[in-house]
Amino acid sequence: MADIKIPALGESVSGGQISKWHFKTGDLVKPGDILLTLETDKVAAEITAETGGELSILLAEGADVEIGTVVGSIAEGKTAPAAAVAPAPEPEAAPSTAPAVAEAPPAPAPKTEAPKPAPAPQPQAAAKPAPASKPAEGRVTRKKMSPLRRKIADQLVSAQQTAAILTTFNECDMSAVMALRSKLQDSFVAKHGVKLGFMSFFVKAVVEALKAVPGINVRVDGDEIVQNHFHDIGVAVGTERGLIVPVLRDCDSKSFADLEKDILAYAAKAKEGKIEIADLSGGVFTISNGGVYGSLLSTPILNPPQSGILGMHSIQQRPVAVDGQVVIRPMMYLALSYDHRLVDGKEAVTFLIKVRDSIQDPQRLLFGV
């Protein structure tokens, strides 16, 4: 009998919640089969069978478990039974050749003249029953909060309570970026095998803004301010389990194609539930794109211990003044939330204007100006 234990999943992970068993008690499993999915406050981990045999489940879905907890066992040596040979069908009885005897129909009952009804008062309509009150059951559903959702809740509340969050806004004209994407898209896909999206432009714009305003690339550690000299940018991604922020590494040294490939790879891992803890740690700044869901404007919350987060929003055709003329342009609102304990308003506004200028004139990103 081999025990199924929750393995160590990283230094910062002490346990999780059994979100799904992929087999049931009595099923026969093979080495390498995925037995269960464990949801932690960071990632969803798949626990596989180390041996083959008959599965016995001790803890059901939804149970909170710690590292080392025995959640089931496998009785080794048992294999799938051979398929039973179906018995040969019995021969059908030969049809009888004897003529069937028809039953004589019953004689009709003698007709009797129905008595004439006496005059009677018109019956009153039956009273309608009062509508039954709806039962309490079925009107609400309760389910346990997942470890990831608890982590998100704790982190957001902690950010609101420990940081002095302030948000500054601006808007940018997306005409130049959209024209450049349209012009280069086919050749970009042909050469790199991925599409050129908006996110890689914004990642590059944020990197240039962090270089111009390094006071935002900082974090608090106790009573010290830590200055980061690298540019690992987190990109918020919505999944069925909740919001996660995988980190794009060394964005200052990567090409647009490299960034697009990294974003695509993270999206695939997130969809499959295979994001790892290392994918989510170490970012210095976060970009959140609420525009993909139709958000026009929002105030993003910091991702501790970072000191800044950029909110992208939906692109809308709006009238704007250009060279004294009112024209229609594709506009996007930008929002920068920052920790006012570390970042002054002048730095925040300068940073956001730098991002805006890089997007409105994307050639700046090619020369770092």
Protein backbone atom coordinates (compact mmCIF):
# COMPACT_ATOMS: atom_id res chain seq x y z
CA MET A 1 0.00 0.00 0.00
CA ALA A 2 1.54 3.33 -1.11
CA ASP A 3 0.42 6.56 0.55
CA ILE A 4 -0.40 9.63 -1.54
CA LYS A 5 1.19 12.64 0.17
CA ILE A 6 1.11 16.32 -0.68
CA PRO A 7 4.67 17.08 -1.85
CA ALA A 8 6.68 20.23 -1.18
CA LEU A 9 5.81 22.85 -3.80
CA GLY A 10 8.18 25.67 -2.90
CA GLU A 11 9.58 27.50 0.08
CA SER A 12 6.63 29.90 0.38
CA VAL A 13 3.90 27.27 -0.06
CA SER A 14 2.75 25.49 3.10
CA GLY A 15 -0.36 23.82 1.74
CA GLY A 16 -3.45 24.24 -0.38
CA GLN A 17 -6.89 22.96 -1.22
CA ILE A 18 -7.85 19.83 -3.14
CA SER A 19 -9.73 21.33 -6.05
CA LYS A 20 -10.29 18.15 -8.08
CA TRP A 21 -9.75 14.39 -7.98
CA HIS A 22 -9.28 13.03 -11.48
CA PHE A 23 -10.17 9.48 -10.40
CA LYS A 24 -12.52 8.01 -7.82
CA THR A 25 -12.05 5.38 -5.14
CA GLY A 26 -11.73 1.94 -6.69
CA ASP A 27 -10.30 3.18 -9.98
CA LEU A 28 -7.10 1.59 -11.23
CA VAL A 29 -4.30 4.06 -11.92
CA LYS A 30 -0.91 3.85 -13.60
CA PRO A 31 2.39 5.51 -12.64
CA GLY A 32 2.39 9.06 -13.97
CA ASP A 33 -1.41 9.45 -13.99
CA ILE A 34 -2.60 12.84 -12.67
CA LEU A 35 -4.44 11.94 -9.48
CA LEU A 36 -5.53 15.34 -8.19
CA THR A 37 -5.16 19.08 -8.66
CA LEU A 38 -4.03 21.03 -5.60
CA GLU A 39 -4.83 24.74 -5.61
CA THR A 40 -2.46 26.90 -3.57
CA ASP A 41 -2.43 30.63 -3.01
CA LYS A 42 -0.08 30.97 -5.98
CA VAL A 43 -0.51 28.15 -8.48
CA ALA A 44 -2.49 25.01 -9.23
CA ALA A 45 -0.26 21.93 -8.93
CA GLU A 46 -0.98 18.49 -10.37
CA ILE A 47 -0.12 15.52 -8.12
CA THR A 48 0.75 12.36 -10.06
CA ALA A 49 0.80 8.68 -9.12
CA GLU A 50 4.21 7.26 -8.28
CA THR A 51 2.99 3.68 -8.55
CA GLY A 52 0.11 1.77 -10.10
CA GLY A 53 -2.80 0.03 -8.47
CA GLU A 54 -6.24 0.62 -6.96
CA LEU A 55 -6.93 4.14 -5.70
CA SER A 56 -8.45 4.88 -2.30
CA ILE A 57 -9.35 8.52 -1.50
CA LEU A 58 -9.14 9.71 2.10
CA LEU A 59 -9.78 13.46 1.76
CA ALA A 60 -12.47 14.77 -0.59
CA GLU A 61 -12.44 17.76 -2.92
CA GLY A 62 -12.47 21.07 -1.07
CA ALA A 63 -10.36 19.82 1.83
CA ASP A 64 -7.54 22.07 3.05
CA VAL A 65 -4.27 20.17 3.34
CA GLU A 66 -0.71 20.89 4.38
CA ILE A 67 2.54 19.67 2.87
CA GLY A 68 3.05 16.02 3.85
CA THR A 69 -0.65 15.27 4.46
CA VAL A 70 -1.74 11.78 3.34
CA VAL A 71 -4.78 12.30 1.10
CA GLY A 72 -5.18 8.76 -0.24
CA SER A 73 -3.45 5.50 -1.00
CA ILE A 74 -2.79 3.08 -3.85
CA ALA A 75 -3.07 -0.67 -3.39
CA GLU A 76 -0.18 -1.92 -5.51
CA GLY A 77 -0.31 -5.02 -7.62
CA LYS A 78 -3.91 -4.73 -8.73
CA THR A 79 -4.45 -4.51 -12.45
CA ALA A 80 -7.45 -3.94 -14.62
CA PRO A 81 -9.61 -7.08 -14.86
CA ALA A 82 -9.79 -8.83 -18.18
CA ALA A 83 -12.85 -8.03 -20.18
CA ALA A 84 -15.59 -10.53 -19.41
CA VAL A 85 -16.70 -12.72 -22.30
CA ALA A 86 -20.29 -11.99 -23.06
CA PRO A 87 -22.47 -15.15 -22.98
CA ALA A 88 -23.79 -16.37 -26.28
CA PRO A 89 -27.36 -15.25 -26.81
CA GLU A 90 -29.97 -17.96 -26.35
CA PRO A 91 -31.72 -19.01 -29.53
CA GLU A 92 -35.10 -17.42 -29.94
CA ALA A 93 -38.07 -19.73 -29.64
CA ALA A 94 -39.50 -20.79 -33.00
CA PRO A 95 -42.79 -19.13 -33.80
CA SER A 96 -45.81 -21.33 -33.21
CA THR A 97 -47.58 -22.64 -36.32
CA ALA A 98 -50.86 -23.27 -34.51
CA PRO A 99 -53.61 -20.91 -35.60
CA ALA A 100 -54.45 -18.27 -33.05
CA VAL A 101 -57.90 -18.50 -31.53
CA ALA A 102 -59.67 -15.18 -31.77
CA GLU A 103 -61.62 -14.15 -28.71
CA ALA A 104 -65.25 -13.28 -29.23
CA PRO A 105 -65.93 -9.60 -28.61
CA PRO A 106 -68.07 -8.86 -25.53
CA ALA A 107 -71.77 -8.35 -26.12
CA PRO A 108 -72.78 -4.69 -26.05
CA ALA A 109 -74.56 -3.49 -22.93
CA PRO A 110 -78.27 -2.77 -23.40
CA LYS A 111 -78.99 0.92 -23.98
CA THR A 112 -80.88 2.68 -21.20
CA GLU A 113 -82.33 6.15 -21.43
CA ALA A 114 -80.50 8.59 -19.18
CA PRO A 115 -82.75 10.47 -16.75
CA LYS A 116 -83.26 14.16 -17.52
CA PRO A 117 -81.24 16.34 -15.15
CA ALA A 118 -83.15 18.52 -12.72
CA PRO A 119 -82.54 22.31 -12.76
CA ALA A 120 -79.42 23.03 -10.57
CA PRO A 121 -77.71 26.26 -9.47
CA GLN A 122 -74.60 27.31 -11.43
CA PRO A 123 -71.49 26.01 -9.59
CA GLN A 124 -69.19 28.69 -8.18
CA ALA A 125 -65.62 28.90 -9.43
CA ALA A 126 -63.15 27.23 -7.13
CA ALA A 127 -61.02 29.66 -5.11
CA LYS A 128 -57.46 29.97 -6.39
CA PRO A 129 -54.91 28.62 -3.93
CA ALA A 130 -52.53 31.16 -2.47
CA PRO A 131 -49.07 31.05 -4.12
CA ALA A 132 -46.64 29.01 -2.10
CA SER A 133 -43.67 30.91 -0.74
CA LYS A 134 -40.34 30.06 -2.36
CA PRO A 135 -38.21 27.76 -0.27
CA ALA A 136 -34.99 29.22 1.08
CA GLU A 137 -32.99 26.39 -0.46
CA GLY A 138 -31.71 27.00 -3.95
CA ARG A 139 -31.75 30.79 -3.69
CA VAL A 140 -28.12 31.00 -2.65
CA THR A 141 -25.08 28.79 -3.13
CA ARG A 142 -22.17 28.62 -0.73
CA LYS A 143 -18.71 27.45 -1.63
CA LYS A 144 -15.38 27.63 0.09
CA MET A 145 -13.08 30.44 -0.98
CA SER A 146 -10.13 29.04 -2.91
CA PRO A 147 -6.59 29.62 -1.60
CA LEU A 148 -5.82 31.84 -4.59
CA ARG A 149 -8.93 33.95 -4.02
CA ARG A 150 -8.06 34.25 -0.31
CA LYS A 151 -4.53 35.29 -1.24
CA ILE A 152 -5.83 37.89 -3.70
CA ALA A 153 -8.25 39.24 -1.09
CA ASP A 154 -5.57 39.44 1.62
CA GLN A 155 -3.06 41.06 -0.71
CA LEU A 156 -5.47 43.71 -2.01
CA VAL A 157 -6.67 44.60 1.48
CA SER A 158 -3.07 44.70 2.70
CA ALA A 159 -2.10 47.02 -0.16
CA GLN A 160 -4.93 49.39 0.71
CA GLN A 161 -4.03 49.39 4.39
CA THR A 162 -0.23 49.65 4.19
CA ALA A 163 0.43 51.84 1.13
CA ALA A 164 -0.59 55.43 0.45
CA ILE A 165 -2.15 54.70 -2.96
CA LEU A 166 -2.78 57.63 -5.29
CA THR A 167 -3.76 57.50 -8.97
CA THR A 168 -2.96 59.93 -11.76
CA PHE A 169 -4.59 59.84 -15.20
CA ASN A 170 -3.77 60.73 -18.77
CA GLU A 171 -4.85 59.69 -22.24
CA CYS A 172 -2.98 58.69 -25.35
CA ASP A 173 -3.72 58.71 -29.06
CA MET A 174 -3.33 55.15 -30.35
CA SER A 175 -3.26 56.14 -34.05
CA ALA A 176 0.48 55.74 -34.58
CA VAL A 177 0.73 52.34 -32.83
CA MET A 178 -2.33 51.02 -34.68
CA ALA A 179 -0.95 52.19 -38.03
CA LEU A 180 2.45 50.63 -37.30
CA ARG A 181 0.87 47.32 -36.27
CA SER A 182 -1.26 47.26 -39.40
CA LYS A 183 1.75 47.99 -41.61
CA LEU A 184 4.09 45.41 -40.07
CA GLN A 185 1.71 42.69 -38.91
CA ASP A 186 1.98 40.31 -41.86
CA SER A 187 5.77 40.45 -42.08
CA PHE A 188 6.06 40.24 -38.27
CA VAL A 189 3.96 37.07 -38.17
CA ALA A 190 5.82 35.57 -41.13
CA LYS A 191 9.19 36.11 -39.45
CA HIS A 192 8.41 35.43 -35.79
CA GLY A 193 5.31 33.23 -35.83
CA VAL A 194 3.38 35.44 -33.37
CA LYS A 195 1.21 38.52 -33.76
CA LEU A 196 2.37 41.99 -32.81
CA GLY A 197 0.07 43.12 -30.01
CA PHE A 198 -0.36 46.30 -28.00
CA MET A 199 1.08 44.84 -24.80
CA SER A 200 4.65 44.64 -26.08
CA PHE A 201 4.52 48.36 -26.94
CA PHE A 202 3.34 49.20 -23.43
CA VAL A 203 5.95 46.96 -21.81
CA LYS A 204 8.67 48.73 -23.78
CA ALA A 205 7.15 52.13 -22.94
CA VAL A 206 7.10 51.26 -19.22
CA VAL A 207 10.76 50.18 -19.36
CA GLU A 208 11.76 53.50 -20.90
CA ALA A 209 9.67 55.36 -18.31
CA LEU A 210 11.31 53.43 -15.45
CA LYS A 211 14.72 54.35 -16.83
CA ALA A 212 13.68 58.00 -17.04
CA VAL A 213 12.08 57.98 -13.56
CA PRO A 214 13.95 55.34 -11.50
CA GLY A 215 12.23 56.59 -8.36
CA ILE A 216 9.24 54.41 -9.30
CA ASN A 217 11.37 51.28 -9.67
CA VAL A 218 11.64 50.90 -5.88
CA ARG A 219 10.11 48.96 -3.00
CA VAL A 220 9.94 49.19 0.76
CA ASP A 221 11.76 46.62 2.90
CA GLY A 222 11.21 47.41 6.56
CA ASP A 223 12.55 50.92 7.08
CA GLU A 224 14.69 50.80 3.95
CA ILE A 225 14.01 51.76 0.33
CA VAL A 226 15.31 49.19 -2.16
CA GLN A 227 16.20 50.53 -5.61
CA ASN A 228 15.80 47.96 -8.40
CA HIS A 229 18.26 48.05 -11.28
CA PHE A 230 16.45 45.51 -13.45
CA HIS A 231 13.21 45.60 -15.43
CA ASP A 232 11.06 42.52 -14.81
CA ILE A 233 7.50 43.59 -15.67
CA GLY A 234 4.40 41.75 -14.44
CA VAL A 235 1.40 41.45 -16.76
CA ALA A 236 -1.93 40.82 -15.05
CA VAL A 237 -3.84 37.90 -16.58
CA GLY A 238 -7.41 36.91 -15.72
CA THR A 239 -8.02 33.15 -15.39
CA GLU A 240 -10.89 30.94 -14.25
CA ARG A 241 -9.16 30.65 -10.87
CA GLY A 242 -8.61 34.38 -10.47
CA LEU A 243 -6.14 37.10 -11.31
CA ILE A 244 -2.48 36.14 -11.65
CA VAL A 245 0.54 38.26 -12.59
CA PRO A 246 3.24 36.35 -14.49
CA VAL A 247 6.49 38.27 -14.86
CA LEU A 248 8.30 39.03 -18.12
CA ARG A 249 12.02 38.93 -17.34
CA ASP A 250 14.68 41.45 -18.44
CA CYS A 251 12.30 43.37 -20.67
CA ASP A 252 14.93 46.01 -21.37
CA SER A 253 17.02 43.49 -23.30
CA LYS A 254 14.20 41.70 -25.15
CA SER A 255 12.79 42.42 -28.58
CA PHE A 256 9.11 42.96 -29.36
CA ALA A 257 9.00 39.40 -30.72
CA ASP A 258 10.55 37.99 -27.54
CA LEU A 259 7.97 39.79 -25.41
CA GLU A 260 5.06 38.63 -27.55
CA LYS A 261 6.29 35.03 -27.37
CA ASP A 262 6.66 35.24 -23.59
CA ILE A 263 3.14 36.68 -23.23
CA LEU A 264 1.71 33.94 -25.46
CA ALA A 265 3.55 31.23 -23.51
CA TYR A 266 2.23 32.55 -20.19
CA ALA A 267 -1.31 32.72 -21.58
CA ALA A 268 -1.09 29.06 -22.61
CA LYS A 269 0.30 28.01 -19.21
CA ALA A 270 -2.41 29.97 -17.41
CA LYS A 271 -5.15 28.35 -19.50
CA GLU A 272 -3.78 24.90 -18.70
CA GLY A 273 -3.33 25.75 -15.01
CA LYS A 274 0.42 25.15 -15.20
CA ILE A 275 1.74 28.51 -14.04
CA GLU A 276 4.62 27.95 -11.61
CA ILE A 277 5.52 29.95 -8.51
CA ALA A 278 8.74 31.17 -10.14
CA ASP A 279 6.64 32.66 -12.97
CA LEU A 280 4.86 34.99 -10.55
CA SER A 281 7.68 36.29 -8.37
CA GLY A 282 10.17 39.12 -8.58
CA GLY A 283 8.41 41.74 -10.70
CA VAL A 284 9.22 45.43 -10.19
CA PHE A 285 6.15 46.93 -11.91
CA THR A 286 2.77 45.66 -13.15
CA ILE A 287 0.62 46.40 -16.19
CA SER A 288 -3.11 45.64 -16.02
CA ASN A 289 -5.23 45.74 -19.19
CA GLY A 290 -8.85 46.21 -18.18
CA GLY A 291 -9.57 47.35 -21.72
CA VAL A 292 -9.87 43.77 -22.95
CA TYR A 293 -13.03 43.53 -20.82
CA GLY A 294 -14.37 46.91 -21.96
CA SER A 295 -13.24 49.02 -19.00
CA LEU A 296 -13.17 52.73 -19.87
CA LEU A 297 -11.43 53.94 -16.71
CA SER A 298 -10.30 52.42 -13.41
CA THR A 299 -7.93 52.94 -10.49
CA PRO A 300 -5.71 49.81 -10.30
CA ILE A 301 -4.50 48.62 -6.90
CA LEU A 302 -0.78 48.13 -6.26
CA ASN A 303 0.77 44.71 -6.39
CA PRO A 304 2.93 44.73 -3.21
CA PRO A 305 5.81 45.27 -2.71
CA GLN A 306 5.86 47.17 -6.01
CA SER A 307 5.38 50.94 -6.00
CA GLY A 308 3.55 51.38 -9.30
CA ILE A 309 0.95 49.79 -11.59
CA LEU A 310 -0.23 50.99 -15.00
CA GLY A 311 -3.86 50.53 -16.02
CA MET A 312 -4.66 50.25 -19.74
CA HIS A 313 -8.25 50.71 -20.90
CA SER A 314 -10.45 50.28 -23.92
CA ILE A 315 -9.75 52.20 -27.13
CA GLN A 316 -12.58 54.53 -28.13
CA GLN A 317 -13.08 56.83 -31.06
CA ARG A 318 -13.35 60.28 -29.48
CA PRO A 319 -13.20 63.88 -30.72
CA VAL A 320 -9.92 65.58 -29.79
CA ALA A 321 -8.27 68.87 -30.71
CA VAL A 322 -5.26 68.53 -33.03
CA ASP A 323 -3.54 71.64 -34.39
CA GLY A 324 -6.63 73.71 -33.66
CA GLN A 325 -8.97 71.28 -35.42
CA VAL A 326 -11.46 68.83 -33.90
CA VAL A 327 -10.72 65.35 -35.25
CA ILE A 328 -11.80 61.81 -34.34
CA ARG A 329 -8.98 59.66 -32.97
CA PRO A 330 -8.69 56.24 -31.25
CA MET A 331 -8.02 57.27 -27.65
CA MET A 332 -7.11 55.27 -24.54
CA TYR A 333 -7.23 56.44 -20.94
CA LEU A 334 -4.15 55.54 -18.89
CA ALA A 335 -4.05 55.31 -15.10
CA LEU A 336 -0.97 55.10 -12.91
CA SER A 337 -1.48 54.09 -9.29
CA TYR A 338 1.58 54.61 -7.10
CA ASP A 339 2.73 54.47 -3.50
CA HIS A 340 2.80 58.07 -2.37
CA ARG A 341 5.09 57.14 0.53
CA LEU A 342 7.89 56.65 -1.99
CA VAL A 343 6.80 58.40 -5.16
CA ASP A 344 5.98 62.11 -5.40
CA GLY A 345 3.32 63.46 -7.71
CA LYS A 346 5.89 65.07 -10.01
CA GLU A 347 7.60 61.71 -10.57
CA ALA A 348 4.31 59.93 -11.18
CA VAL A 349 3.07 62.47 -13.73
CA THR A 350 6.46 62.53 -15.48
CA PHE A 351 6.42 58.73 -15.69
CA LEU A 352 2.91 58.60 -17.17
CA ILE A 353 3.65 61.31 -19.72
CA LYS A 354 6.77 59.37 -20.77
CA VAL A 355 4.60 56.28 -21.35
CA ARG A 356 2.08 58.36 -23.30
CA ASP A 357 4.74 59.95 -25.51
CA SER A 358 6.29 56.58 -26.31
CA ILE A 359 2.92 55.19 -27.40
CA GLN A 360 1.95 58.22 -29.44
CA ASP A 361 5.36 58.21 -31.17
CA PRO A 362 6.49 54.54 -31.10
CA GLN A 363 9.70 55.36 -33.01
CA ARG A 364 10.99 56.67 -29.67
CA LEU A 365 11.06 53.06 -28.45
CA LEU A 366 13.50 52.11 -31.20
CA PHE A 367 16.04 54.73 -30.10
CA GLY A 368 15.35 54.94 -26.35
CA VAL A 369 14.37 58.61 -26.36
